[in-house]
Each structure stands twice: as structure tokens, then as C-alpha cells.
N, C-alpha and C. Protein backbone atom coordinates (compact mmCIF):
# COMPACT_ATOMS: atom_id res chain seq x y z
N UNK A 1 119.94 151.83 75.86
CA UNK A 1 120.69 151.64 77.06
C UNK A 1 121.78 152.68 77.17
N UNK A 2 121.83 153.23 78.32
CA UNK A 2 122.89 154.23 78.48
C UNK A 2 124.23 153.54 78.68
N UNK A 3 125.21 154.13 78.13
CA UNK A 3 126.55 153.56 78.26
C UNK A 3 127.07 153.83 79.65
N UNK A 4 127.71 152.79 80.22
CA UNK A 4 128.28 152.95 81.55
C UNK A 4 129.59 153.70 81.42
N UNK A 5 129.72 154.63 82.26
CA UNK A 5 130.94 155.41 82.22
C UNK A 5 132.02 154.69 83.03
N UNK A 6 133.17 154.60 82.44
CA UNK A 6 134.29 153.94 83.11
C UNK A 6 135.06 155.01 83.87
N UNK A 7 135.24 154.74 85.16
CA UNK A 7 135.95 155.69 85.99
C UNK A 7 137.42 155.31 86.01
N UNK A 8 138.25 156.31 86.07
CA UNK A 8 139.68 156.08 86.17
C UNK A 8 140.02 155.62 87.59
N UNK A 9 141.04 154.77 87.75
CA UNK A 9 141.40 154.34 89.09
C UNK A 9 141.97 155.50 89.90
N UNK A 10 141.71 155.41 91.15
CA UNK A 10 142.18 156.47 92.04
C UNK A 10 143.21 155.84 92.97
N UNK A 11 144.38 156.45 93.05
CA UNK A 11 145.44 155.96 93.91
C UNK A 11 145.60 156.91 95.09
N UNK A 12 145.72 156.31 96.23
CA UNK A 12 145.92 157.10 97.44
C UNK A 12 147.41 157.27 97.66
N UNK A 13 147.82 158.45 98.04
CA UNK A 13 149.23 158.74 98.26
C UNK A 13 149.64 158.44 99.69
N UNK A 14 148.83 157.80 100.44
CA UNK A 14 149.16 157.48 101.83
C UNK A 14 149.85 156.12 101.88
N UNK A 15 150.71 155.94 102.89
CA UNK A 15 151.36 154.67 103.13
C UNK A 15 150.50 153.89 104.08
N UNK A 16 150.14 152.68 103.65
CA UNK A 16 149.27 151.88 104.49
C UNK A 16 150.03 150.63 104.92
N UNK A 17 149.42 149.83 105.79
CA UNK A 17 150.02 148.58 106.25
C UNK A 17 150.22 147.63 105.07
N UNK A 18 149.31 147.62 104.13
CA UNK A 18 149.43 146.77 102.94
C UNK A 18 150.65 147.13 102.12
N UNK A 19 150.89 148.45 101.97
CA UNK A 19 152.09 148.89 101.24
C UNK A 19 153.36 148.41 101.94
N UNK A 20 153.39 148.54 103.25
CA UNK A 20 154.58 148.14 104.03
C UNK A 20 154.79 146.63 103.91
N UNK A 21 153.71 145.84 104.08
CA UNK A 21 153.83 144.39 103.99
C UNK A 21 154.26 143.94 102.59
N UNK A 22 153.76 144.60 101.58
CA UNK A 22 154.16 144.29 100.21
C UNK A 22 155.64 144.58 100.01
N UNK A 23 156.10 145.74 100.51
CA UNK A 23 157.52 146.11 100.40
C UNK A 23 158.41 145.13 101.15
N UNK A 24 158.00 144.76 102.38
CA UNK A 24 158.80 143.81 103.16
C UNK A 24 158.85 142.45 102.45
N UNK A 25 157.71 142.01 101.91
CA UNK A 25 157.69 140.74 101.18
C UNK A 25 158.58 140.77 99.95
N UNK A 26 158.55 141.90 99.24
CA UNK A 26 159.37 142.04 98.05
C UNK A 26 160.85 142.02 98.40
N UNK A 27 161.25 142.77 99.44
CA UNK A 27 162.65 142.79 99.87
C UNK A 27 163.08 141.40 100.35
N UNK A 28 162.20 140.72 101.08
CA UNK A 28 162.51 139.38 101.58
C UNK A 28 162.70 138.41 100.41
N UNK A 29 161.84 138.49 99.41
CA UNK A 29 161.95 137.61 98.25
C UNK A 29 163.24 137.87 97.48
N UNK A 30 163.59 139.13 97.33
CA UNK A 30 164.83 139.48 96.63
C UNK A 30 166.04 138.97 97.41
N UNK A 31 166.02 139.16 98.75
CA UNK A 31 167.14 138.70 99.58
C UNK A 31 167.27 137.18 99.53
N UNK A 32 166.15 136.49 99.62
CA UNK A 32 166.17 135.02 99.57
C UNK A 32 166.71 134.55 98.21
N UNK A 33 166.27 135.19 97.15
CA UNK A 33 166.77 134.85 95.82
C UNK A 33 168.26 135.11 95.68
N UNK A 34 168.70 136.24 96.24
CA UNK A 34 170.13 136.59 96.18
C UNK A 34 170.98 135.57 96.91
N UNK A 35 170.60 135.25 98.14
CA UNK A 35 171.39 134.30 98.92
C UNK A 35 171.32 132.89 98.32
N UNK A 36 170.17 132.53 97.80
CA UNK A 36 170.06 131.24 97.11
C UNK A 36 170.95 131.17 95.89
N UNK A 37 171.01 132.26 95.15
CA UNK A 37 171.86 132.33 93.97
C UNK A 37 173.33 132.23 94.37
N UNK A 38 173.71 132.93 95.45
CA UNK A 38 175.10 132.87 95.92
C UNK A 38 175.48 131.45 96.32
N UNK A 39 174.58 130.76 97.00
CA UNK A 39 174.85 129.37 97.40
C UNK A 39 174.98 128.48 96.17
N UNK A 40 174.15 128.71 95.18
CA UNK A 40 174.21 127.93 93.95
C UNK A 40 175.52 128.19 93.20
N UNK A 41 175.93 129.44 93.18
CA UNK A 41 177.19 129.79 92.52
C UNK A 41 178.36 129.13 93.24
N UNK A 42 178.36 129.16 94.58
CA UNK A 42 179.44 128.54 95.34
C UNK A 42 179.49 127.03 95.09
N UNK A 43 178.32 126.40 95.05
CA UNK A 43 178.28 124.95 94.78
C UNK A 43 178.78 124.64 93.37
N UNK A 44 178.42 125.48 92.41
CA UNK A 44 178.88 125.28 91.04
C UNK A 44 180.38 125.46 90.93
N UNK A 45 180.93 126.46 91.63
CA UNK A 45 182.38 126.67 91.62
C UNK A 45 183.10 125.48 92.23
N UNK A 46 182.57 124.94 93.33
CA UNK A 46 183.19 123.76 93.96
C UNK A 46 183.15 122.57 93.00
N UNK A 47 182.01 122.39 92.33
CA UNK A 47 181.88 121.28 91.39
C UNK A 47 182.83 121.44 90.21
N UNK A 48 182.98 122.68 89.73
CA UNK A 48 183.92 122.93 88.64
C UNK A 48 185.35 122.64 89.08
N UNK A 49 185.68 122.97 90.34
CA UNK A 49 187.01 122.66 90.86
C UNK A 49 187.24 121.16 90.90
N UNK A 50 186.23 120.40 91.31
CA UNK A 50 186.33 118.94 91.33
C UNK A 50 186.50 118.39 89.92
N UNK A 51 185.75 118.95 88.98
CA UNK A 51 185.85 118.50 87.58
C UNK A 51 187.24 118.79 87.03
N UNK A 52 187.77 119.96 87.36
CA UNK A 52 189.11 120.33 86.90
C UNK A 52 190.15 119.37 87.46
N UNK A 53 190.05 119.06 88.75
CA UNK A 53 190.98 118.11 89.36
C UNK A 53 190.89 116.74 88.70
N UNK A 54 189.68 116.30 88.41
CA UNK A 54 189.48 115.01 87.77
C UNK A 54 190.05 115.01 86.36
N UNK A 55 189.86 116.12 85.64
CA UNK A 55 190.41 116.22 84.30
C UNK A 55 191.93 116.18 84.32
N UNK A 56 192.54 116.87 85.28
CA UNK A 56 194.00 116.84 85.40
C UNK A 56 194.48 115.44 85.72
N UNK A 57 193.75 114.73 86.59
CA UNK A 57 194.13 113.36 86.94
C UNK A 57 194.02 112.46 85.71
N UNK A 58 192.92 112.61 84.96
CA UNK A 58 192.73 111.79 83.77
C UNK A 58 193.75 112.12 82.69
N UNK A 59 194.12 113.40 82.59
CA UNK A 59 195.10 113.81 81.61
C UNK A 59 196.45 113.16 81.92
N UNK A 60 196.81 113.13 83.20
CA UNK A 60 198.05 112.47 83.58
C UNK A 60 198.01 110.99 83.27
N UNK A 61 196.87 110.36 83.53
CA UNK A 61 196.71 108.94 83.21
C UNK A 61 196.77 108.70 81.72
N UNK A 62 196.16 109.60 80.96
CA UNK A 62 196.16 109.46 79.51
C UNK A 62 197.58 109.60 78.97
N UNK A 63 198.34 110.53 79.53
CA UNK A 63 199.72 110.69 79.08
C UNK A 63 200.54 109.45 79.40
N UNK A 64 200.28 108.83 80.55
CA UNK A 64 200.99 107.60 80.90
C UNK A 64 200.63 106.49 79.92
N UNK A 65 199.36 106.40 79.55
CA UNK A 65 198.92 105.38 78.59
C UNK A 65 199.58 105.62 77.23
N UNK A 66 199.61 106.87 76.81
CA UNK A 66 200.23 107.20 75.52
C UNK A 66 201.71 106.82 75.55
N UNK A 67 202.38 107.10 76.66
CA UNK A 67 203.80 106.74 76.77
C UNK A 67 203.98 105.22 76.70
N UNK A 68 203.10 104.48 77.36
CA UNK A 68 203.20 103.01 77.31
C UNK A 68 202.93 102.50 75.90
N UNK A 69 201.95 103.09 75.22
CA UNK A 69 201.65 102.66 73.85
C UNK A 69 202.85 102.93 72.95
N UNK A 70 203.46 104.09 73.08
CA UNK A 70 204.64 104.41 72.27
C UNK A 70 205.78 103.44 72.57
N UNK A 71 205.97 103.13 73.84
CA UNK A 71 207.00 102.17 74.23
C UNK A 71 206.74 100.81 73.59
N UNK A 72 205.48 100.38 73.62
CA UNK A 72 205.13 99.10 72.99
C UNK A 72 205.34 99.14 71.49
N UNK A 73 204.99 100.26 70.86
CA UNK A 73 205.20 100.38 69.43
C UNK A 73 206.68 100.27 69.08
N UNK A 74 207.52 100.93 69.88
CA UNK A 74 208.97 100.87 69.64
C UNK A 74 209.47 99.44 69.83
N UNK A 75 208.98 98.76 70.87
CA UNK A 75 209.38 97.37 71.10
C UNK A 75 208.96 96.48 69.94
N UNK A 76 207.77 96.70 69.39
CA UNK A 76 207.29 95.91 68.25
C UNK A 76 208.17 96.17 67.03
N UNK A 77 208.51 97.42 66.81
CA UNK A 77 209.37 97.76 65.66
C UNK A 77 210.73 97.08 65.81
N UNK A 78 211.28 97.10 67.02
CA UNK A 78 212.57 96.43 67.26
C UNK A 78 212.45 94.93 67.03
N UNK A 79 211.37 94.32 67.50
CA UNK A 79 211.17 92.89 67.29
C UNK A 79 211.04 92.56 65.81
N UNK A 80 210.33 93.42 65.07
CA UNK A 80 210.20 93.21 63.63
C UNK A 80 211.58 93.27 62.95
N UNK A 81 212.39 94.23 63.37
CA UNK A 81 213.72 94.37 62.79
C UNK A 81 214.58 93.14 63.12
N UNK A 82 214.49 92.67 64.36
CA UNK A 82 215.23 91.46 64.74
C UNK A 82 214.76 90.26 63.91
N UNK A 83 213.45 90.16 63.71
CA UNK A 83 212.92 89.06 62.91
C UNK A 83 213.44 89.14 61.48
N UNK A 84 213.48 90.34 60.94
CA UNK A 84 214.01 90.50 59.59
C UNK A 84 215.48 90.09 59.53
N UNK A 85 216.26 90.47 60.53
CA UNK A 85 217.67 90.09 60.57
C UNK A 85 217.83 88.57 60.68
N UNK A 86 216.99 87.95 61.53
CA UNK A 86 217.04 86.49 61.68
C UNK A 86 216.65 85.82 60.37
N UNK A 87 215.63 86.35 59.69
CA UNK A 87 215.20 85.78 58.40
C UNK A 87 216.32 85.88 57.37
N UNK A 88 216.99 87.02 57.33
CA UNK A 88 218.09 87.19 56.38
C UNK A 88 219.25 86.24 56.71
N UNK A 89 219.53 86.09 57.99
CA UNK A 89 220.60 85.18 58.41
C UNK A 89 220.25 83.74 58.04
N UNK A 90 218.98 83.37 58.26
CA UNK A 90 218.53 82.02 57.91
C UNK A 90 218.62 81.80 56.40
N UNK A 91 218.30 82.82 55.63
CA UNK A 91 218.39 82.70 54.17
C UNK A 91 219.84 82.49 53.76
N UNK A 92 220.77 83.20 54.41
CA UNK A 92 222.20 83.01 54.10
C UNK A 92 222.65 81.60 54.48
N UNK A 93 222.18 81.10 55.62
CA UNK A 93 222.53 79.75 56.05
C UNK A 93 221.99 78.73 55.05
N UNK A 94 220.73 78.92 54.63
CA UNK A 94 220.14 78.01 53.64
C UNK A 94 220.94 78.03 52.35
N UNK A 95 221.35 79.23 51.94
CA UNK A 95 222.17 79.34 50.72
C UNK A 95 223.50 78.62 50.89
N UNK A 96 224.11 78.76 52.05
CA UNK A 96 225.38 78.08 52.31
C UNK A 96 225.20 76.58 52.32
N UNK A 97 224.14 76.11 52.96
CA UNK A 97 223.87 74.67 53.01
C UNK A 97 223.64 74.14 51.60
N UNK A 98 222.93 74.90 50.81
CA UNK A 98 222.66 74.47 49.43
C UNK A 98 223.97 74.37 48.64
N UNK A 99 224.86 75.34 48.81
CA UNK A 99 226.15 75.30 48.12
C UNK A 99 226.98 74.12 48.61
N UNK A 100 226.97 73.87 49.90
CA UNK A 100 227.72 72.74 50.46
C UNK A 100 227.18 71.43 49.89
N UNK A 101 225.85 71.31 49.83
CA UNK A 101 225.25 70.10 49.25
C UNK A 101 225.65 69.92 47.79
N UNK A 102 225.68 71.02 47.04
CA UNK A 102 226.08 70.94 45.64
C UNK A 102 227.54 70.50 45.52
N UNK A 103 228.39 71.05 46.40
CA UNK A 103 229.81 70.67 46.37
C UNK A 103 229.98 69.19 46.71
N UNK A 104 229.20 68.71 47.69
CA UNK A 104 229.28 67.30 48.07
C UNK A 104 228.83 66.43 46.91
N UNK A 105 227.74 66.83 46.25
CA UNK A 105 227.24 66.04 45.12
C UNK A 105 228.27 66.04 43.98
N UNK A 106 228.90 67.17 43.73
CA UNK A 106 229.91 67.24 42.67
C UNK A 106 231.12 66.37 43.01
N UNK A 107 231.52 66.41 44.28
CA UNK A 107 232.69 65.61 44.65
C UNK A 107 232.36 64.12 44.58
N UNK A 108 231.12 63.75 44.89
CA UNK A 108 230.71 62.35 44.80
C UNK A 108 230.67 61.92 43.34
N UNK A 109 230.27 62.76 42.45
CA UNK A 109 230.21 62.44 41.03
C UNK A 109 231.63 62.29 40.46
N UNK A 110 232.49 63.18 40.90
CA UNK A 110 233.86 63.11 40.37
C UNK A 110 234.61 61.91 40.94
N UNK A 111 234.23 61.41 42.13
CA UNK A 111 234.87 60.25 42.74
C UNK A 111 234.43 58.96 42.03
N UNK A 112 233.36 58.92 41.36
CA UNK A 112 232.85 57.72 40.73
C UNK A 112 233.53 57.46 39.47
């Protein structure tokens, strides 16, 4: 069998309607992609702006919560200190009452 000879492709240097339509389609596709990308970028920027605003709002709320928590912690510490002072005062009163009772018992013994 004889081998088939492969011919090299031949390109015509003329501009045809197919070349023009291909070029117009390519330019149209590029333009559509460009404008679509610009719209997507603008939407993303708007969404990022909304996210930033929300983050700032939440940050302010978080700072308010932290301030309230600190205020509550300080109030609890003050209450604990007051409780300790009351406990110490009550212990002194109990000690005084005990001494008074002992003095009463001693005076009753000496009166007999």
C-alpha cells in the first residue's frame, strides 16, 4: 500500500466574512466579559462596604457588652467586700456577746 501523503494546511491571506464575524464575536465576548466583571466588582465592593458597616456596628455593641461585664464584675467585687466586712462585724458582735455572757455567768456565780 502506498503511503498517503499528508499535505500541509494552506492559509489564505484574504479577509473574508467569516474572519470579520469571528473578530466581531471575539470583541463582543471580551466586552461582555469586561462589563460583567466590572458589575461583579462593583457588587462585591458594595457588599464589602455593608460588611464593614456591620462589623463596626457589632464592634460597638461588643464594646458596650464588655463595659457592662466589667461594671458587673466591679459591682460583684464590691458586694463581696461588703459581705466580708459584714461577716467580720458579725464575728466581733458574736465575740462581744460571748464575753458579755461570760461576765453575766461570772457575776451570777459570785452572787451565790
